[in-house]
Amino acid sequence: MPKGETKLIHGSGRTRAADAGRAGLRSALAAFLAACSLTLGAPALAQGKILLRISTPAVPGDWHVKMLYVFREELAREAPGRFDVQIHHSGTLFRQGAEAAAMQRGNLEMALLSMQDIARQIPEYSIFTAGYLIRDPDHLAKVYGGPIGREVDRKVAEVMGIRLLQAIYLGTRQLGLSRPRTVRTPADLAGVKLRMPGSKEWLFLGQALGASPTPMPFPEVYLGLKTGTIDGQDNPLPTLKSAKFYEATKQIVLTGHLVDVLQLAISAKAWNALSAAHKAQVKRAASKAGAFNDENRIREEKELVEFFRSQGIAIATPDVAAFRKTVQAAYLRSEFAQKWPRGMLERINAVK
C-alpha cells in the first residue's frame, strides 16, 4: 500500500479519536453546567413548603381540632402549595402544658395555648385565669379583641417570643362528677377530687371552688373518672361530649366558673421567617378558623344540656352567686392578685 494512503488512514483514525474526545468534552461540560444549574437552584428547592406543626391536647371531635383544619384549608386556598400544616391532636406531639416551651426552643411552630400557660412565664397575667372574671363569650371577644388584647399580644411577643394570632372561645367551664351529690355552695365540694391541669394557676382555681384539686393530664381524665382516681373534672360542655367524659359522668353542676379562652399562637422563629404576604394570609386564616370555632361552640353549648339529660345525667344548678363571691374573694386574697397589673381588673370589668 502506498505510504500516502497509510498516512491518510492514520490521519482518519486520529480525526475520529479527536472528534470522540471533543464530543466527550462537550458531554462532560454539559453535565457540569447542568449540575451547576441544579446547585444554584438548590436553595429555592430546599425551601419547599413552609412547615407549620400545630400541637393540641384536644381530641378529633372537638371544635378546637376541627378549626385547625379550617385554618389549614384557608391557607391552602389563599396560598396554594406554599404551606405544610400538620395537625397533631390528643397530645400526641407534646403533652398539655409543654407546648409553649417547645415553641420557644424552636421544636414546634404553633399551638393552642391557655392563659394559664402564659401566666407561668408572665405572672401578672394570672388575672386572666381568675374565676368569674369574664362574663360571657361576647365579653371575652371584646376583651381580647380590643386594647387589652393588643397589650397582651405585645407583652407575650416581648417576653415569650410567641405571637398570638387569634383568641378563641374555649367554652364556659362546668363541673362534671362521676357520682351525684348535692352541690349548692363551694362548701359542698369539700373532699371532691377535682381533676385540674397541673399548673399552680389551675390548681388554685380548683381549690377556690372548694374542691381538692388533683393534677392530671387531659388524655388520662376519662380513665381517671372510670377508675375513681378522680371524682370529677371541669370543662366546657362540648368537651364533655367530644372527649366522651359524659360516659363516666352522673351529674353536671352548672357553676359557669370560667368563661375560658385559648390562643392560637405561633413561635417568633416561625413568624419572623414569613414574608409580609404570608403573615397576612396566616392571620386571615386564623381569624376565619376562630370564627368557625366560636360560632359552633356557642351553638353546641346551648344544645348540650338536653343531650346530657337524655343520657341519664342529672343537671344541677347551684347557688352561682355564692360560688362567685367565694371564688372572687379567694383570688383577691391570693398572691396572684398582688401581681396583677394596676387597674387591669377595673378595665376588664368596664368592657361592655
Protein backbone atom coordinates (compact mmCIF):
# COMPACT_ATOMS: atom_id res chain seq x y z
CA MET A 1 0.00 0.00 0.00
CA PRO A 2 1.38 3.46 -0.86
CA LYS A 3 2.77 5.46 2.00
CA GLY A 4 0.36 8.29 1.38
CA GLU A 5 -2.57 6.04 1.86
CA THR A 6 -1.11 4.77 5.05
CA LYS A 7 -0.76 8.29 6.37
CA LEU A 8 -4.30 9.07 5.28
CA ILE A 9 -5.66 6.09 7.17
CA HIS A 10 -3.68 7.00 10.28
CA GLY A 11 -4.88 10.60 10.00
CA SER A 12 -8.51 9.49 9.78
CA GLY A 13 -8.06 7.47 12.95
CA ARG A 14 -6.66 10.47 14.76
CA THR A 15 -9.53 12.61 13.46
CA ARG A 16 -12.13 10.17 14.69
CA ALA A 17 -10.37 9.98 18.06
CA ALA A 18 -10.25 13.79 18.28
CA ASP A 19 -13.92 14.03 17.38
CA ALA A 20 -14.78 11.48 20.05
CA GLY A 21 -12.69 13.38 22.55
CA ARG A 22 -14.41 16.67 21.74
CA ALA A 23 -17.82 15.01 22.00
CA GLY A 24 -16.90 13.61 25.40
CA LEU A 25 -15.68 17.02 26.49
CA ARG A 26 -18.93 18.60 25.35
CA SER A 27 -20.93 15.97 27.25
CA ALA A 28 -18.86 16.49 30.37
CA LEU A 29 -19.23 20.26 30.07
CA ALA A 30 -22.98 19.95 29.60
CA ALA A 31 -23.22 17.72 32.65
CA PHE A 32 -21.11 20.18 34.64
CA LEU A 33 -23.31 23.13 33.63
CA ALA A 34 -26.45 21.14 34.47
CA ALA A 35 -25.01 20.32 37.87
CA CYS A 36 -24.17 23.99 38.42
CA SER A 37 -27.72 24.92 37.46
CA LEU A 38 -29.15 22.42 39.95
CA THR A 39 -26.79 23.62 42.66
CA LEU A 40 -27.70 27.25 42.09
CA GLY A 41 -31.38 26.34 42.21
CA ALA A 42 -30.97 24.18 45.33
CA PRO A 43 -31.79 26.89 47.91
CA ALA A 44 -35.14 27.57 46.26
CA LEU A 45 -35.90 23.87 46.06
CA ALA A 46 -34.67 23.26 49.61
CA GLN A 47 -37.05 25.86 50.97
CA GLY A 48 -40.03 23.81 49.83
CA LYS A 49 -43.27 24.29 51.73
CA ILE A 50 -43.47 26.30 54.93
CA LEU A 51 -43.88 23.76 57.74
CA LEU A 52 -46.40 24.63 60.46
CA ARG A 53 -46.87 21.88 63.04
CA ILE A 54 -49.72 22.54 65.48
CA SER A 55 -49.97 20.75 68.82
CA THR A 56 -53.12 20.47 70.96
CA PRO A 57 -54.37 18.09 73.66
CA ALA A 58 -57.89 18.32 72.19
CA VAL A 59 -59.44 15.24 70.60
CA PRO A 60 -60.52 14.99 66.93
CA GLY A 61 -64.22 15.58 67.63
CA ASP A 62 -63.53 18.86 69.44
CA TRP A 63 -64.25 22.13 67.65
CA HIS A 64 -60.71 23.21 68.52
CA VAL A 65 -59.32 20.43 66.34
CA LYS A 66 -61.90 20.98 63.62
CA MET A 67 -61.00 24.67 63.48
CA LEU A 68 -57.35 23.76 62.84
CA TYR A 69 -58.45 22.00 59.67
CA VAL A 70 -60.34 25.16 58.70
CA PHE A 71 -57.09 27.07 59.28
CA ARG A 72 -55.24 24.62 57.03
CA GLU A 73 -57.88 24.78 54.31
CA GLU A 74 -57.91 28.58 54.34
CA LEU A 75 -54.13 28.71 53.93
CA ALA A 76 -54.29 26.17 51.11
CA ARG A 77 -56.90 28.33 49.38
CA GLU A 78 -55.01 31.60 49.85
CA ALA A 79 -51.51 30.25 49.13
CA PRO A 80 -51.79 27.00 47.14
CA GLY A 81 -48.84 24.69 47.70
CA ARG A 82 -46.94 27.08 49.99
CA PHE A 83 -47.78 25.74 53.47
CA ASP A 84 -47.49 22.29 55.02
CA VAL A 85 -49.84 22.49 58.03
CA GLN A 86 -49.58 19.37 60.21
CA ILE A 87 -52.20 18.96 62.96
CA HIS A 88 -51.21 16.88 65.99
CA HIS A 89 -54.21 16.39 68.29
CA SER A 90 -54.75 14.39 71.51
CA GLY A 91 -51.39 15.45 72.95
CA THR A 92 -49.53 13.11 70.59
CA LEU A 93 -46.72 15.56 69.75
CA PHE A 94 -46.33 17.47 73.02
CA ARG A 95 -48.15 16.93 76.29
CA GLN A 96 -50.55 19.57 77.59
CA GLY A 97 -48.61 22.45 79.12
CA ALA A 98 -45.34 21.69 77.31
CA GLU A 99 -46.22 23.44 74.06
CA ALA A 100 -45.02 26.95 74.97
CA ALA A 101 -41.54 25.74 75.92
CA ALA A 102 -41.36 23.64 72.74
CA MET A 103 -42.18 26.72 70.67
CA GLN A 104 -39.53 28.74 72.48
CA ARG A 105 -36.90 26.05 71.85
CA GLY A 106 -37.75 26.03 68.16
CA ASN A 107 -39.16 22.49 68.30
CA LEU A 108 -42.74 23.49 67.46
CA GLU A 109 -44.24 26.12 65.20
CA MET A 110 -47.80 26.52 66.51
CA ALA A 111 -50.08 25.54 69.39
CA LEU A 112 -53.29 26.35 71.18
CA LEU A 113 -52.12 27.99 74.43
CA SER A 114 -54.20 28.70 77.51
CA MET A 115 -53.77 31.86 79.55
CA GLN A 116 -52.56 29.54 82.33
CA ASP A 117 -49.67 28.56 80.05
CA ILE A 118 -48.88 32.22 79.53
CA ALA A 119 -49.21 33.13 83.22
CA ARG A 120 -46.46 30.65 84.08
CA GLN A 121 -44.00 33.00 82.41
CA ILE A 122 -45.83 36.30 82.83
CA PRO A 123 -47.20 36.05 86.41
CA GLU A 124 -49.24 39.28 86.22
CA TYR A 125 -51.39 37.65 83.54
CA SER A 126 -52.76 35.21 86.09
CA ILE A 127 -55.58 37.76 86.22
CA PHE A 128 -56.89 36.18 83.01
CA THR A 129 -57.11 32.79 84.76
CA ALA A 130 -59.32 34.07 87.59
CA GLY A 131 -62.75 32.54 88.05
CA TYR A 132 -65.84 34.65 87.35
CA LEU A 133 -63.82 37.39 85.62
CA ILE A 134 -65.07 37.16 82.01
CA ARG A 135 -68.86 37.33 81.90
CA ASP A 136 -69.75 35.58 78.63
CA PRO A 137 -68.39 34.85 75.12
CA ASP A 138 -69.26 38.35 73.90
CA HIS A 139 -67.34 39.94 76.78
CA LEU A 140 -64.42 37.59 76.06
CA ALA A 141 -64.29 38.60 72.39
CA LYS A 142 -64.33 42.29 73.27
CA VAL A 143 -61.63 42.00 75.94
CA TYR A 144 -59.19 40.07 73.76
CA GLY A 145 -60.19 41.81 70.54
CA GLY A 146 -59.68 45.32 71.93
CA PRO A 147 -56.91 47.40 73.53
CA ILE A 148 -56.41 44.94 76.41
CA GLY A 149 -55.88 42.07 73.99
CA ARG A 150 -53.40 44.10 71.95
CA GLU A 151 -51.41 44.84 75.12
CA VAL A 152 -51.35 41.13 75.90
CA ASP A 153 -50.16 40.31 72.37
CA ARG A 154 -47.25 42.77 72.60
CA LYS A 155 -46.20 41.58 76.06
CA VAL A 156 -46.28 37.89 75.12
CA ALA A 157 -44.21 38.57 72.00
CA GLU A 158 -41.67 40.56 74.01
CA VAL A 159 -41.32 38.22 76.98
CA MET A 160 -42.02 34.78 75.50
CA GLY A 161 -41.06 35.12 71.85
CA ILE A 162 -44.52 33.90 70.83
CA ARG A 163 -47.07 35.70 68.68
CA LEU A 164 -50.76 35.37 69.49
CA LEU A 165 -52.73 35.09 66.25
CA GLN A 166 -56.31 34.68 67.44
CA ALA A 167 -58.17 34.41 70.75
CA ILE A 168 -60.83 31.70 70.53
CA TYR A 169 -63.65 30.71 72.84
CA LEU A 170 -62.79 27.56 74.77
CA GLY A 171 -66.16 27.49 76.45
CA THR A 172 -67.76 28.08 79.82
CA ARG A 173 -66.41 25.56 82.29
CA GLN A 174 -68.83 23.45 84.33
CA LEU A 175 -68.28 20.64 86.83
CA GLY A 176 -68.82 17.02 85.82
CA LEU A 177 -68.99 14.49 88.69
CA SER A 178 -68.73 10.73 88.48
CA ARG A 179 -71.25 10.34 91.35
CA PRO A 180 -74.21 12.61 92.09
CA ARG A 181 -74.19 14.75 95.22
CA THR A 182 -75.96 17.86 96.46
CA VAL A 183 -73.94 20.90 95.42
CA ARG A 184 -75.31 24.32 96.32
CA THR A 185 -72.21 26.19 97.54
CA PRO A 186 -68.41 25.65 97.43
CA ALA A 187 -68.59 24.02 100.85
CA ASP A 188 -70.47 21.10 99.25
CA LEU A 189 -67.38 20.24 97.16
CA ALA A 190 -65.20 19.58 100.19
CA GLY A 191 -63.17 16.40 99.64
CA VAL A 192 -64.10 16.09 95.96
CA LYS A 193 -61.01 15.08 93.95
CA LEU A 194 -61.41 17.50 91.07
CA ARG A 195 -59.06 16.99 88.12
CA MET A 196 -57.23 20.11 87.01
CA PRO A 197 -54.28 20.62 84.67
CA GLY A 198 -51.01 20.59 86.58
CA SER A 199 -50.14 24.28 87.00
CA LYS A 200 -50.48 26.33 90.17
CA GLU A 201 -52.98 28.64 88.45
CA TRP A 202 -55.29 25.74 87.61
CA LEU A 203 -54.86 24.10 90.99
CA PHE A 204 -55.69 27.36 92.77
CA LEU A 205 -58.93 27.62 90.81
CA GLY A 206 -59.91 24.10 91.90
CA GLN A 207 -59.17 25.00 95.49
CA ALA A 208 -61.14 28.27 95.25
CA LEU A 209 -64.14 26.25 94.07
CA GLY A 210 -64.00 24.33 97.36
CA ALA A 211 -62.66 21.04 95.94
CA SER A 212 -59.44 19.06 96.38
CA PRO A 213 -57.66 19.82 93.08
CA THR A 214 -55.90 16.81 91.56
CA PRO A 215 -53.42 17.38 88.71
CA MET A 216 -53.86 15.04 85.76
CA PRO A 217 -53.05 15.29 82.02
CA PHE A 218 -56.08 15.64 79.77
CA PRO A 219 -55.65 12.27 77.97
CA GLU A 220 -55.87 10.46 81.35
CA VAL A 221 -59.11 12.05 82.53
CA TYR A 222 -61.53 9.52 81.00
CA LEU A 223 -59.82 6.58 82.70
CA GLY A 224 -59.46 8.58 85.91
CA LEU A 225 -63.22 9.08 86.05
CA LYS A 226 -63.85 5.42 85.27
CA THR A 227 -61.49 4.10 87.93
CA GLY A 228 -62.31 6.61 90.66
CA THR A 229 -58.84 8.15 90.69
CA ILE A 230 -60.73 11.44 90.42
CA ASP A 231 -64.29 12.31 91.39
CA GLY A 232 -64.82 14.93 88.73
CA GLN A 233 -63.38 17.33 86.21
CA ASP A 234 -64.13 20.82 84.95
CA ASN A 235 -64.52 21.51 81.25
CA PRO A 236 -66.92 23.19 78.85
CA LEU A 237 -69.91 21.04 77.87
CA PRO A 238 -68.73 20.48 74.27
CA THR A 239 -65.51 18.97 75.65
CA LEU A 240 -67.51 16.59 77.86
CA LYS A 241 -69.15 15.32 74.71
CA SER A 242 -66.19 15.25 72.31
CA ALA A 243 -63.86 13.58 74.83
CA LYS A 244 -66.69 11.23 75.91
CA PHE A 245 -66.26 12.20 79.57
CA TYR A 246 -70.06 12.14 79.85
CA GLU A 247 -69.89 8.32 79.63
CA ALA A 248 -68.32 8.34 83.11
CA THR A 249 -70.37 11.28 84.45
CA LYS A 250 -73.51 11.04 86.58
CA GLN A 251 -74.03 14.73 87.35
CA ILE A 252 -73.19 18.09 85.79
CA VAL A 253 -73.14 21.13 88.06
CA LEU A 254 -73.63 24.36 86.11
CA THR A 255 -71.23 26.57 88.05
CA GLY A 256 -70.13 28.53 84.94
CA HIS A 257 -66.99 29.39 86.88
CA LEU A 258 -64.67 30.24 83.99
CA VAL A 259 -65.53 31.68 80.59
CA ASP A 260 -62.33 30.39 79.07
CA VAL A 261 -60.13 31.32 76.14
CA LEU A 262 -57.42 29.67 74.06
CA GLN A 263 -54.85 31.48 71.97
CA LEU A 264 -53.88 30.18 68.54
CA ALA A 265 -50.19 31.04 68.69
CA ILE A 266 -47.07 30.83 66.54
CA SER A 267 -43.42 30.89 67.58
CA ALA A 268 -41.49 34.07 66.82
CA LYS A 269 -38.99 31.99 64.86
CA ALA A 270 -41.68 30.69 62.52
CA TRP A 271 -43.45 34.06 62.36
CA ASN A 272 -40.31 36.05 61.53
CA ALA A 273 -39.43 33.63 58.73
CA LEU A 274 -42.67 34.51 56.91
CA SER A 275 -42.95 37.20 54.27
CA ALA A 276 -45.35 40.08 54.88
CA ALA A 277 -47.82 38.48 52.45
CA HIS A 278 -47.63 35.11 54.19
CA LYS A 279 -48.09 36.74 57.61
CA ALA A 280 -51.28 38.39 56.37
CA GLN A 281 -52.51 35.06 54.98
CA VAL A 282 -51.81 33.28 58.28
CA LYS A 283 -53.64 35.99 60.24
CA ARG A 284 -56.69 35.82 57.95
CA ALA A 285 -56.78 32.03 58.17
CA ALA A 286 -56.54 32.21 61.97
CA SER A 287 -59.39 34.71 62.12
CA LYS A 288 -61.66 32.54 59.97
CA ALA A 289 -60.80 29.43 61.98
CA GLY A 290 -61.55 31.28 65.22
CA ALA A 291 -64.93 32.46 63.95
CA PHE A 292 -65.77 28.89 62.92
CA ASN A 293 -64.89 27.60 66.39
CA ASP A 294 -66.71 30.31 68.32
CA GLU A 295 -69.94 30.02 66.34
CA ASN A 296 -70.10 26.26 66.68
CA ARG A 297 -69.10 26.07 70.34
CA ILE A 298 -71.64 28.68 71.40
CA ARG A 299 -74.37 26.90 69.45
CA GLU A 300 -73.45 23.48 70.82
CA GLU A 301 -73.31 24.68 74.42
CA LYS A 302 -76.93 25.76 74.15
CA GLU A 303 -77.97 22.35 72.84
CA LEU A 304 -75.98 20.01 75.08
CA VAL A 305 -77.85 20.28 78.36
CA GLU A 306 -80.78 18.40 76.85
CA PHE A 307 -78.44 15.86 75.24
CA PHE A 308 -76.84 15.06 78.60
CA ARG A 309 -80.25 14.77 80.24
CA SER A 310 -81.18 12.25 77.55
CA GLN A 311 -78.10 10.23 78.58
CA GLY A 312 -79.42 9.97 82.14
CA ILE A 313 -77.08 12.60 83.58
CA ALA A 314 -78.51 14.80 86.33
CA ILE A 315 -78.21 18.54 85.71
CA ALA A 316 -77.86 20.70 88.82
CA THR A 317 -77.85 24.49 89.10
CA PRO A 318 -76.08 25.63 92.28
CA ASP A 319 -76.11 28.99 94.03
CA VAL A 320 -73.87 30.64 91.43
CA ALA A 321 -73.80 33.91 93.41
CA ALA A 322 -72.31 32.03 96.38
CA PHE A 323 -69.72 30.43 94.14
CA ARG A 324 -68.86 33.78 92.53
CA LYS A 325 -68.48 35.53 95.87
CA THR A 326 -66.28 32.77 97.34
CA VAL A 327 -64.06 32.38 94.28
CA GLN A 328 -63.54 36.10 93.72
CA ALA A 329 -62.70 36.64 97.38
CA ALA A 330 -60.15 33.80 97.24
CA TYR A 331 -58.43 35.42 94.26
CA LEU A 332 -58.34 38.88 95.78
CA ARG A 333 -56.66 37.44 98.90
CA SER A 334 -54.17 35.42 96.88
CA GLU A 335 -50.55 36.02 95.90
CA PHE A 336 -51.76 36.15 92.29
CA ALA A 337 -53.74 39.36 92.79
CA GLN A 338 -50.69 41.12 94.21
CA LYS A 339 -49.01 40.78 90.80
CA TRP A 340 -51.95 41.81 88.64
CA PRO A 341 -51.35 44.97 86.57
CA ARG A 342 -52.66 48.03 88.38
CA GLY A 343 -56.15 48.91 87.18
CA MET A 344 -56.48 45.85 84.90
CA LEU A 345 -59.33 44.30 86.88
CA GLU A 346 -61.32 47.52 86.63
CA ARG A 347 -60.56 47.83 82.90
CA ILE A 348 -61.76 44.29 82.21
CA ASN A 349 -64.93 44.84 84.24
CA ALA A 350 -65.57 48.09 82.33
CA VAL A 351 -65.57 46.41 78.91
CA LYS A 352 -69.18 46.31 77.69
